[in-house]
N, C-alpha and C. Protein backbone atom coordinates (compact mmCIF):
# COMPACT_ATOMS: atom_id res chain seq x y z
N UNK A 1 40.65 103.71 112.13
CA UNK A 1 41.59 104.71 112.48
C UNK A 1 42.46 105.66 112.28
N UNK A 2 42.37 105.37 110.08
CA UNK A 2 43.02 106.04 109.31
C UNK A 2 44.86 106.28 109.80
N UNK A 3 45.15 105.65 110.61
CA UNK A 3 47.00 105.29 110.66
C UNK A 3 47.05 104.30 109.80
N UNK A 4 48.48 104.60 109.03
CA UNK A 4 49.12 104.32 108.31
C UNK A 4 49.06 102.82 108.25
N UNK A 5 49.01 101.46 107.84
CA UNK A 5 49.60 99.96 108.35
C UNK A 5 51.54 100.23 108.89
N UNK A 6 51.98 100.24 109.64
CA UNK A 6 53.88 100.81 109.29
C UNK A 6 54.28 99.24 108.66
N UNK A 7 54.87 100.36 107.29
CA UNK A 7 56.01 98.84 107.19
C UNK A 7 56.99 98.16 106.80
N UNK A 8 56.87 97.04 106.74
CA UNK A 8 57.59 96.27 107.22
C UNK A 8 58.97 95.62 106.61
N UNK A 9 60.00 95.79 107.43
CA UNK A 9 61.46 95.95 106.96
C UNK A 9 61.46 95.05 106.43
N UNK A 10 62.86 95.40 105.36
CA UNK A 10 62.72 94.63 103.97
C UNK A 10 63.58 93.87 104.68
N UNK A 11 64.59 93.82 105.48
CA UNK A 11 65.81 92.90 106.36
C UNK A 11 65.23 91.95 106.64
N UNK A 12 63.56 91.79 107.70
CA UNK A 12 62.66 91.23 108.52
C UNK A 12 62.46 90.08 107.66
N UNK A 13 63.22 88.56 108.01
CA UNK A 13 62.90 87.08 107.83
C UNK A 13 60.73 87.70 107.50
N UNK A 14 60.65 86.99 106.66
CA UNK A 14 58.87 86.11 107.00
C UNK A 14 58.64 85.57 108.11
N UNK A 15 57.54 85.21 107.95
CA UNK A 15 56.40 84.42 108.81
C UNK A 15 56.27 83.48 108.81
N UNK A 16 55.88 82.14 109.67
CA UNK A 16 54.52 81.19 108.34
C UNK A 16 53.24 82.18 108.66
N UNK A 17 52.89 83.46 109.37
CA UNK A 17 52.12 83.65 109.52
C UNK A 17 51.73 84.62 107.96
N UNK A 18 53.02 85.56 107.17
CA UNK A 18 52.72 85.23 106.65
C UNK A 18 52.67 85.36 105.23
N UNK A 19 53.11 83.63 104.98
CA UNK A 19 53.24 82.91 104.38
C UNK A 19 51.61 81.84 104.19
N UNK A 20 51.21 81.90 105.53
CA UNK A 20 49.66 81.42 105.87
C UNK A 20 49.06 82.63 104.89
N UNK A 21 49.51 83.81 104.80
CA UNK A 21 48.43 84.40 103.98
C UNK A 21 48.88 85.05 103.02
N UNK A 22 49.41 83.85 102.34
CA UNK A 22 50.36 84.11 100.85
C UNK A 22 48.97 84.94 100.23
N UNK A 23 48.50 83.75 99.87
CA UNK A 23 47.55 83.42 98.91
C UNK A 23 45.66 82.81 99.41
N UNK A 24 45.42 84.38 99.90
CA UNK A 24 44.39 84.16 101.19
C UNK A 24 42.60 83.24 100.47
N UNK A 25 42.95 82.55 98.67
CA UNK A 25 41.36 82.16 98.64
C UNK A 25 40.72 81.48 99.06
N UNK A 26 41.15 80.09 100.28
CA UNK A 26 41.00 79.19 100.53
C UNK A 26 41.82 79.08 102.10
N UNK A 27 41.24 79.15 103.18
CA UNK A 27 41.76 79.37 104.70
C UNK A 27 42.49 77.46 104.84
N UNK A 28 43.17 77.90 106.09
CA UNK A 28 43.60 76.85 106.26
C UNK A 28 44.21 75.32 106.99
N UNK A 29 43.74 74.94 107.33
CA UNK A 29 43.54 73.99 108.69
C UNK A 29 44.88 73.87 109.14
N UNK A 30 44.29 74.02 110.13
CA UNK A 30 45.78 74.14 111.78
C UNK A 30 46.78 73.32 110.99
N UNK A 31 46.73 72.09 110.99
CA UNK A 31 47.99 70.89 110.54
C UNK A 31 48.76 72.03 109.45
N UNK A 32 47.86 72.67 108.71
CA UNK A 32 48.56 72.74 107.31
C UNK A 32 49.75 74.04 107.53
N UNK A 33 48.65 75.09 108.57
CA UNK A 33 49.39 76.10 109.31
C UNK A 33 50.80 75.25 109.93
N UNK A 34 50.47 74.87 110.87
CA UNK A 34 51.73 74.61 111.28
C UNK A 34 52.77 73.82 109.95
N UNK A 35 52.38 72.90 109.22
CA UNK A 35 53.72 72.52 108.47
C UNK A 35 54.02 73.49 107.67
N UNK A 36 53.40 74.51 106.92
CA UNK A 36 54.09 76.02 106.79
C UNK A 36 54.99 76.61 107.68
N UNK A 37 54.84 76.67 108.89
CA UNK A 37 55.46 76.91 109.91
C UNK A 37 56.84 76.65 109.98
N UNK A 38 56.99 74.77 109.86
CA UNK A 38 58.08 74.07 110.01
C UNK A 38 58.74 74.31 108.63
N UNK A 39 58.48 74.54 107.53
CA UNK A 39 59.39 74.77 106.07
C UNK A 39 59.36 76.01 106.50
N UNK A 40 58.72 76.98 106.93
CA UNK A 40 60.12 78.60 107.20
C UNK A 40 60.87 78.26 108.23
N UNK A 41 60.70 77.75 108.97
CA UNK A 41 61.62 77.43 110.77
C UNK A 41 62.75 76.85 109.60
N UNK A 42 62.23 75.61 108.94
CA UNK A 42 63.71 75.19 107.77
C UNK A 42 64.89 75.80 107.72
N UNK A 43 63.61 77.15 106.50
CA UNK A 43 64.84 77.81 105.53
C UNK A 43 65.07 78.78 106.27
N UNK A 44 64.80 79.50 107.34
CA UNK A 44 65.47 80.43 108.57
C UNK A 44 66.60 80.16 109.33
N UNK A 45 66.53 78.30 108.99
CA UNK A 45 67.49 78.02 110.43
C UNK A 45 67.01 77.95 111.11
N UNK A 46 65.57 77.87 112.16
CA UNK A 46 65.46 78.35 113.03
C UNK A 46 64.98 76.93 113.36
N UNK A 47 65.43 75.55 113.18
CA UNK A 47 65.02 74.25 113.17
C UNK A 47 66.86 72.53 113.11
N UNK A 48 66.84 72.85 114.12
CA UNK A 48 67.45 71.75 114.11
C UNK A 48 68.33 70.86 112.81
N UNK A 49 69.12 70.30 112.43
CA UNK A 49 69.72 69.81 111.55
C UNK A 49 68.92 68.35 111.01
N UNK A 50 67.60 67.72 112.39
CA UNK A 50 67.63 66.52 111.49
C UNK A 50 66.41 66.66 111.11
N UNK A 51 65.43 67.69 112.18
CA UNK A 51 64.09 68.59 111.96
C UNK A 51 63.99 68.97 110.33
N UNK A 52 64.86 70.14 109.95
CA UNK A 52 65.55 70.36 109.08
C UNK A 52 65.32 69.41 107.20
N UNK A 53 65.62 68.58 107.80
CA UNK A 53 65.68 66.90 106.82
C UNK A 53 64.72 66.16 106.93
N UNK A 54 64.14 66.67 108.33
CA UNK A 54 62.53 65.44 107.86
C UNK A 54 62.09 66.50 107.25
N UNK A 55 61.89 67.74 107.20
CA UNK A 55 60.90 68.53 106.56
C UNK A 55 61.19 68.67 105.06
N UNK A 56 62.16 68.58 104.80
CA UNK A 56 62.72 69.23 103.27
C UNK A 56 62.03 67.54 102.41
N UNK A 57 62.66 66.15 103.60
CA UNK A 57 61.86 65.50 103.25
C UNK A 57 60.48 65.35 102.94
N UNK A 58 59.51 65.92 103.68
CA UNK A 58 58.55 66.45 103.74
C UNK A 58 57.67 66.26 102.21
N UNK A 59 58.22 66.99 102.06
CA UNK A 59 58.77 68.51 100.87
C UNK A 59 58.16 67.78 100.35
N UNK A 60 58.99 66.92 99.94
CA UNK A 60 59.83 65.21 98.94
C UNK A 60 58.52 64.30 98.94
N UNK A 61 57.81 64.23 99.57
CA UNK A 61 57.69 63.46 99.04
C UNK A 61 55.91 62.91 99.66
N UNK A 62 55.04 64.16 100.53
CA UNK A 62 54.28 64.24 100.68
C UNK A 62 53.00 64.50 99.33
N UNK A 63 52.09 63.66 99.56
CA UNK A 63 51.02 63.70 98.06
C UNK A 63 50.14 64.87 99.21
N UNK A 64 49.78 65.16 99.69
CA UNK A 64 49.22 66.53 100.48
C UNK A 64 49.45 68.04 99.98
N UNK A 65 50.59 67.37 99.94
CA UNK A 65 51.33 69.49 99.27
C UNK A 65 51.06 70.51 98.19
N UNK A 66 50.22 69.73 97.99
CA UNK A 66 49.06 70.35 96.38
C UNK A 66 48.51 71.97 97.04
N UNK A 67 47.94 71.72 97.71
CA UNK A 67 46.94 72.36 98.47
C UNK A 67 47.75 73.97 98.56
N UNK A 68 49.13 74.20 99.35
CA UNK A 68 50.06 75.06 100.02
C UNK A 68 51.52 74.68 98.60
N UNK A 69 51.45 74.56 97.99
CA UNK A 69 51.83 74.75 96.38
C UNK A 69 52.39 76.43 96.40
N UNK A 70 50.91 76.88 96.20
CA UNK A 70 50.83 78.47 95.95
C UNK A 70 51.84 78.79 97.57
N UNK A 71 51.04 79.54 98.55
CA UNK A 71 52.49 79.95 100.09
C UNK A 71 53.40 79.29 99.39
N UNK A 72 53.50 78.54 99.40
CA UNK A 72 55.67 77.85 99.46
C UNK A 72 56.17 78.62 98.54
N UNK A 73 55.30 78.55 96.92
CA UNK A 73 55.43 79.45 96.29
C UNK A 73 56.30 80.99 96.07
N UNK A 74 54.65 81.47 96.86
CA UNK A 74 55.26 82.65 97.76
C UNK A 74 56.36 83.26 98.29
N UNK A 75 56.35 82.20 99.19
CA UNK A 75 57.68 82.14 100.48
C UNK A 75 58.63 82.39 99.39
N UNK A 76 59.07 80.98 98.76
CA UNK A 76 60.30 80.61 98.66
C UNK A 76 60.64 82.29 97.52
N UNK A 77 59.65 83.22 96.87
CA UNK A 77 59.73 83.65 95.98
C UNK A 77 60.30 85.28 96.71
N UNK A 78 59.18 85.36 97.50
CA UNK A 78 59.72 86.46 98.49
C UNK A 78 61.15 86.62 99.11
N UNK A 79 61.27 84.96 99.91
CA UNK A 79 62.81 85.09 100.22
C UNK A 79 63.73 85.36 99.66
N UNK A 80 64.04 84.82 97.72
CA UNK A 80 64.20 84.88 96.92
C UNK A 80 65.19 86.88 95.72
N UNK A 81 64.02 87.52 96.84
CA UNK A 81 63.89 88.79 95.65
C UNK A 81 64.84 89.24 97.10
N UNK A 82 64.65 88.69 98.55
CA UNK A 82 65.65 89.58 99.09
C UNK A 82 67.23 88.48 99.41
N UNK A 83 67.83 88.37 98.53
CA UNK A 83 68.93 87.48 98.07
C UNK A 83 70.57 88.28 99.53
N UNK A 84 70.32 89.27 99.55
CA UNK A 84 71.53 90.29 99.52
C UNK A 84 71.26 90.33 101.29
N UNK A 85 70.30 89.92 102.26
CA UNK A 85 69.86 90.57 103.26
C UNK A 85 69.22 89.25 103.32
N UNK A 86 69.29 87.97 103.27
CA UNK A 86 69.03 87.13 103.99
C UNK A 86 70.83 86.35 104.45
N UNK A 87 70.79 85.72 105.82
CA UNK A 87 72.08 84.55 105.17
C UNK A 87 72.33 83.92 104.73
N UNK A 88 73.95 83.68 104.29
CA UNK A 88 73.70 82.45 103.96
C UNK A 88 73.46 81.03 103.78
N UNK A 89 73.51 80.43 105.00
CA UNK A 89 72.70 79.17 105.79
C UNK A 89 71.08 79.31 105.12
N UNK A 90 70.83 79.97 104.87
CA UNK A 90 68.71 80.29 104.67
C UNK A 90 68.88 80.34 102.67
N UNK A 91 70.26 81.19 103.20
CA UNK A 91 69.70 81.12 100.81
C UNK A 91 69.84 79.57 100.94
N UNK A 92 71.16 78.74 101.43
CA UNK A 92 71.45 77.31 100.90
C UNK A 92 69.67 76.54 101.01
N UNK A 93 69.49 77.01 102.07
CA UNK A 93 67.90 75.68 103.10
C UNK A 93 67.04 75.87 102.16
N UNK A 94 66.80 77.06 101.44
CA UNK A 94 65.58 77.65 100.79
C UNK A 94 65.79 77.15 99.37
N UNK A 95 67.63 76.62 98.89
CA UNK A 95 67.50 75.61 97.44
C UNK A 95 66.85 75.08 97.41
N UNK A 96 67.73 74.27 99.04
CA UNK A 96 66.82 72.60 99.19
C UNK A 96 65.57 72.79 99.32
N UNK A 97 65.15 73.47 99.92
CA UNK A 97 63.56 73.43 99.20
C UNK A 97 62.78 73.92 98.43
N UNK A 98 63.38 74.12 97.41
CA UNK A 98 62.67 74.41 96.18
C UNK A 98 62.61 72.95 95.33
N UNK A 99 64.35 72.57 95.16
CA UNK A 99 64.90 71.41 94.90
C UNK A 99 63.51 70.67 95.65
N UNK A 100 63.18 70.31 96.69
CA UNK A 100 62.38 69.07 97.14
C UNK A 100 60.93 69.08 96.56
N UNK A 101 59.89 70.53 96.90
CA UNK A 101 59.51 71.06 96.08
C UNK A 101 58.95 70.88 94.69
N UNK A 102 60.14 70.25 94.15
CA UNK A 102 60.00 70.49 92.22
C UNK A 102 60.09 68.76 92.31
N UNK A 103 60.58 68.44 93.39
CA UNK A 103 61.23 66.95 93.01
C UNK A 103 59.64 65.81 93.46
N UNK A 104 58.77 67.31 93.63
CA UNK A 104 58.05 66.14 94.64
C UNK A 104 56.96 65.81 93.16
N UNK A 105 56.70 64.33 93.12
CA UNK A 105 55.32 64.56 91.71
C UNK A 105 54.27 64.90 91.94
N UNK A 106 53.41 64.38 93.75
CA UNK A 106 52.52 65.41 93.34
C UNK A 106 52.03 66.16 94.40
N UNK A 107 53.40 67.30 94.07
CA UNK A 107 53.27 68.24 95.33
C UNK A 107 52.80 69.61 94.46
N UNK A 108 52.64 69.90 93.33
CA UNK A 108 51.54 71.10 92.78
C UNK A 108 52.71 71.60 92.23
N UNK A 109 53.88 71.25 91.53
CA UNK A 109 55.04 72.38 92.31
C UNK A 109 54.35 72.98 89.89
N UNK A 110 54.65 72.43 89.23
CA UNK A 110 54.21 72.56 87.46
C UNK A 110 53.77 73.40 88.02
N UNK A 111 52.03 73.44 88.56
CA UNK A 111 51.44 75.01 88.36
C UNK A 111 52.16 75.90 89.05
N UNK A 112 53.67 76.61 89.52
CA UNK A 112 53.73 76.78 90.05
C UNK A 112 55.58 77.46 89.36
N UNK A 113 56.16 76.62 88.30
CA UNK A 113 57.49 76.44 87.70
C UNK A 113 57.65 78.03 87.29
N UNK A 114 57.03 79.30 87.31
CA UNK A 114 56.34 80.37 86.74
C UNK A 114 57.75 81.42 88.37
N UNK A 115 57.31 80.81 89.38
CA UNK A 115 57.10 81.16 90.64
C UNK A 115 59.41 81.19 91.16
N UNK A 116 58.91 79.18 91.08
CA UNK A 116 59.53 77.82 91.59
C UNK A 116 61.47 78.10 90.81
N UNK A 117 61.27 78.11 89.57
CA UNK A 117 62.96 78.42 88.47
C UNK A 117 63.09 79.72 88.29
N UNK A 118 62.09 80.12 88.92
CA UNK A 118 63.68 81.96 89.26
C UNK A 118 64.26 81.83 91.03
N UNK A 119 63.41 81.68 91.49
CA UNK A 119 64.24 81.48 92.63
C UNK A 119 64.84 80.59 92.45
N UNK A 120 65.72 78.99 92.31
CA UNK A 120 66.24 78.60 91.97
C UNK A 120 67.39 79.47 91.60
N UNK A 121 67.04 79.97 90.17
CA UNK A 121 68.13 80.59 88.90
C UNK A 121 68.81 81.58 89.75
N UNK A 122 67.56 82.29 90.50
CA UNK A 122 68.12 83.93 90.91
C UNK A 122 69.52 83.41 92.30
N UNK A 123 68.95 82.11 92.75
CA UNK A 123 70.45 81.73 93.81
C UNK A 123 71.69 81.25 93.14
N UNK A 124 71.30 81.16 91.18
CA UNK A 124 72.92 80.24 90.59
C UNK A 124 73.68 82.76 90.04
N UNK A 125 72.35 82.76 90.00
CA UNK A 125 72.95 83.86 88.86
C UNK A 125 73.14 85.06 89.77
N UNK A 126 72.73 85.12 91.21
CA UNK A 126 73.10 85.96 91.22
C UNK A 126 74.61 86.78 91.46
N UNK A 127 74.51 88.86 91.47
CA UNK A 127 75.78 89.24 91.40
C UNK A 127 75.94 89.14 93.39
N UNK A 128 75.23 89.27 94.01
CA UNK A 128 75.08 89.31 95.22
C UNK A 128 74.86 88.26 96.73
N UNK A 129 75.14 87.93 96.95
CA UNK A 129 74.45 86.82 97.68
C UNK A 129 74.78 86.78 99.56
N UNK A 130 73.56 86.83 100.04
CA UNK A 130 73.40 87.58 101.50
C UNK A 130 74.32 87.71 102.32
N UNK A 131 73.82 87.63 103.77
CA UNK A 131 74.49 89.62 104.47
C UNK A 131 75.44 88.93 104.83
N UNK A 132 76.68 88.15 104.44
CA UNK A 132 77.45 87.05 105.40
C UNK A 132 79.12 87.78 104.76
N UNK A 133 79.12 88.85 104.41
CA UNK A 133 80.34 89.64 104.17
C UNK A 133 80.75 88.62 102.97
N UNK A 134 82.26 89.35 102.65
CA UNK A 134 82.62 87.92 101.14
C UNK A 134 82.85 86.45 101.70
N UNK A 135 83.52 86.62 102.85
CA UNK A 135 84.48 85.70 103.36
C UNK A 135 83.66 84.20 103.94
N UNK A 136 81.85 84.66 103.39
CA UNK A 136 80.35 83.67 103.82
C UNK A 136 80.97 82.01 102.54
N UNK A 137 80.41 81.58 102.67
CA UNK A 137 80.64 80.05 102.47
C UNK A 137 79.17 80.55 100.84
N UNK A 138 79.72 81.59 99.94
CA UNK A 138 78.26 81.12 98.80
C UNK A 138 77.97 80.20 97.89
N UNK A 139 79.79 79.49 97.80
CA UNK A 139 79.51 77.83 96.59
C UNK A 139 78.61 77.18 96.98
N UNK A 140 78.37 77.05 98.34
CA UNK A 140 77.03 76.03 98.71
C UNK A 140 75.90 76.85 98.08
N UNK A 141 75.99 77.79 98.46
CA UNK A 141 74.62 78.37 98.45
C UNK A 141 74.29 78.43 96.27
N UNK A 142 75.17 78.34 95.24
CA UNK A 142 75.57 78.48 94.35
C UNK A 142 75.15 76.66 93.80
N UNK A 143 75.82 76.07 94.77
CA UNK A 143 76.22 74.77 94.11
C UNK A 143 74.88 74.33 94.59
N UNK A 144 73.90 73.96 95.61
CA UNK A 144 72.54 73.74 95.96
C UNK A 144 71.58 74.18 95.04
N UNK A 145 71.97 75.61 94.38
CA UNK A 145 71.07 75.99 93.52
C UNK A 145 70.54 75.27 92.04
N UNK A 146 71.70 75.63 91.75
CA UNK A 146 72.57 74.89 90.70
C UNK A 146 71.94 73.56 90.38
N UNK A 147 72.29 72.36 91.33
CA UNK A 147 71.35 71.22 91.66
C UNK A 147 70.33 71.60 91.05
N UNK A 148 69.00 72.61 91.79
CA UNK A 148 67.70 72.74 91.93
C UNK A 148 67.38 72.80 90.39
N UNK A 149 68.11 74.00 89.60
CA UNK A 149 67.67 74.35 88.09
C UNK A 149 67.67 73.14 87.57
N UNK A 150 69.00 72.32 87.70
CA UNK A 150 69.45 71.12 87.63
C UNK A 150 68.06 69.79 87.27
N UNK A 151 67.21 70.09 88.35
CA UNK A 151 66.50 69.01 88.93
C UNK A 151 64.66 69.78 88.06
N UNK A 152 64.64 70.59 88.14
CA UNK A 152 63.41 71.46 87.74
C UNK A 152 63.89 70.85 85.85
N UNK A 153 64.91 71.36 85.45
CA UNK A 153 65.22 70.90 84.26
C UNK A 153 64.49 69.85 83.75
N UNK A 154 65.28 68.46 84.46
CA UNK A 154 65.12 67.31 83.99
C UNK A 154 63.67 66.90 84.53
N UNK A 155 62.76 67.36 85.79
CA UNK A 155 61.83 67.66 86.07
C UNK A 155 60.75 67.43 84.71
N UNK A 156 60.84 69.28 84.33
CA UNK A 156 59.73 69.59 83.29
C UNK A 156 59.48 69.85 81.68
N UNK A 157 61.19 70.03 81.71
CA UNK A 157 61.71 70.34 80.48
C UNK A 157 61.81 70.06 79.13
N UNK A 158 60.17 68.89 79.29
CA UNK A 158 60.17 67.93 78.67
C UNK A 158 58.70 68.90 78.11
N UNK A 159 58.19 68.75 79.76
CA UNK A 159 56.56 68.86 79.48
C UNK A 159 56.00 70.45 79.70
N UNK A 160 57.22 71.53 79.28
CA UNK A 160 57.13 73.07 78.72
C UNK A 160 58.12 73.19 78.38
N UNK A 161 57.52 73.73 77.15
CA UNK A 161 58.19 74.21 76.18
C UNK A 161 59.64 75.21 76.01
N UNK A 162 59.41 76.04 76.72
CA UNK A 162 59.92 77.20 76.92
C UNK A 162 60.38 77.39 78.46
N UNK A 163 60.85 76.32 79.06
CA UNK A 163 61.20 76.81 80.20
C UNK A 163 62.45 76.18 79.95
N UNK A 164 63.42 74.87 79.31
CA UNK A 164 64.45 75.08 78.91
C UNK A 164 65.25 76.12 77.97
N UNK A 165 64.42 76.33 77.08
CA UNK A 165 65.21 77.91 75.93
C UNK A 165 65.29 79.35 77.39
N UNK A 166 64.35 79.02 78.64
CA UNK A 166 64.27 80.67 79.79
C UNK A 166 65.36 80.23 80.34
N UNK A 167 65.60 79.09 80.79
CA UNK A 167 66.27 78.77 81.50
C UNK A 167 68.29 79.18 81.27
N UNK A 168 68.04 78.29 79.89
CA UNK A 168 69.98 78.82 79.56
C UNK A 168 69.77 80.16 78.46
N UNK A 169 69.06 80.41 78.25
CA UNK A 169 69.41 82.77 78.68
C UNK A 169 69.32 83.05 79.10
N UNK A 170 68.46 82.93 79.99
CA UNK A 170 69.64 83.50 81.47
C UNK A 170 70.97 83.09 82.14
N UNK A 171 71.20 81.95 81.81
CA UNK A 171 72.64 81.01 82.27
C UNK A 171 73.34 81.70 81.05
N UNK A 172 73.24 81.89 79.64
CA UNK A 172 74.04 82.68 78.42
C UNK A 172 74.15 84.27 79.32
N UNK A 173 72.98 84.78 79.67
CA UNK A 173 73.31 85.99 79.61
C UNK A 173 73.99 87.12 81.25
N UNK A 174 74.24 85.53 82.19
CA UNK A 174 74.79 86.09 82.97
C UNK A 174 76.78 85.13 83.51
N UNK A 175 76.39 83.94 82.03
CA UNK A 175 77.98 84.45 81.38
C UNK A 175 78.18 85.64 80.77
N UNK A 176 77.61 85.67 79.93
CA UNK A 176 78.00 87.75 79.22
C UNK A 176 78.21 88.31 80.54
N UNK A 177 77.47 88.56 81.07
CA UNK A 177 78.17 89.55 81.82
C UNK A 177 78.75 89.50 82.59
N UNK A 178 80.01 90.91 82.49
CA UNK A 178 80.98 91.25 82.97
C UNK A 178 81.27 91.64 83.81
N UNK A 179 80.27 91.18 85.00
CA UNK A 179 80.21 92.00 86.38
C UNK A 179 79.59 91.22 87.15
N UNK A 180 79.19 89.64 87.08
CA UNK A 180 79.26 88.20 87.71
C UNK A 180 80.20 88.02 88.45
N UNK A 181 79.90 87.31 89.38
CA UNK A 181 80.84 87.50 90.63
C UNK A 181 81.57 86.02 89.73
N UNK A 182 82.93 85.40 89.97
CA UNK A 182 83.34 84.38 89.02
C UNK A 182 82.94 83.14 89.45
N UNK A 183 82.23 82.72 91.06
CA UNK A 183 81.41 81.89 91.52
C UNK A 183 79.56 81.31 90.56
N UNK A 184 79.52 82.73 90.08
CA UNK A 184 78.26 81.99 89.21
C UNK A 184 78.57 81.74 87.63
N UNK A 185 80.07 82.06 87.26
CA UNK A 185 80.36 81.53 86.03
C UNK A 185 80.65 80.03 86.40
N UNK A 186 81.29 79.69 87.58
CA UNK A 186 81.49 78.23 87.40
C UNK A 186 81.35 77.85 87.82
N UNK A 187 79.65 78.01 87.69
CA UNK A 187 78.19 77.04 87.82
C UNK A 187 77.66 76.98 86.76
N UNK A 188 77.66 78.02 85.50
CA UNK A 188 77.27 78.42 84.67
C UNK A 188 77.17 76.61 83.59
N UNK A 189 77.97 76.35 83.14
CA UNK A 189 78.65 75.40 82.24
C UNK A 189 77.36 73.76 83.12
N UNK A 190 77.25 73.84 84.76
CA UNK A 190 76.39 72.87 85.33
C UNK A 190 75.17 72.96 84.85
N UNK A 191 74.79 74.18 85.44
CA UNK A 191 72.98 74.31 85.16
C UNK A 191 73.19 74.30 83.59
N UNK A 192 74.15 74.55 82.31
CA UNK A 192 73.55 75.29 81.22
C UNK A 192 73.52 73.07 80.71
N UNK A 193 73.96 72.39 81.26
CA UNK A 193 73.52 70.42 80.86
C UNK A 193 72.36 70.83 81.06
N UNK A 194 71.75 71.02 82.49
CA UNK A 194 69.82 70.23 82.23
C UNK A 194 69.63 70.27 81.31
N UNK A 195 69.99 71.04 79.83
CA UNK A 195 69.14 71.47 78.25
C UNK A 195 69.63 70.32 77.60
N UNK A 196 70.51 69.33 78.15
CA UNK A 196 70.31 68.32 77.36
C UNK A 196 69.99 66.87 77.67
N UNK A 197 69.14 67.00 79.18
CA UNK A 197 68.56 66.01 80.18
C UNK A 197 69.08 65.07 80.59
């Protein structure tokens, strides 16, 4: 009809349908769509604690995760690109989800480290996190993300020779940046320790 598609509101949270359509090379089965919806709901805080733990445990152990890894990586990267507009609780859930996917030996994370590692690093070094204001708990997000970075380094550092130097360079750059908040700088030694295995 010639009308332009409406532009999404940047503050709007990603839906399961957006994630399902992220990598359209292969159509998803209904159970895969439901799985992605459960992950989106868990990250966005639309699942209770028990359900979120169940979803993240599934991300950590399910052998059938590899076909969904491209869509999950795309979703996580999109969430990280909007760190200023997401609630801090959602960002903490995001860090936990990234860590879970990367800890799954059959989850297909290795093929998507170029998207997954920057998500965790962004949550550690971002100057501003969340839309909760200065009174929000930025520490929890950064600690969860630092753990994810350390897990990524431990899991993949010996297999990908450029990973550890790139992580170290990112952390060093943040440490040297006078504009970075104290929360970021206090966690950098923890993240840099991943270089040593």
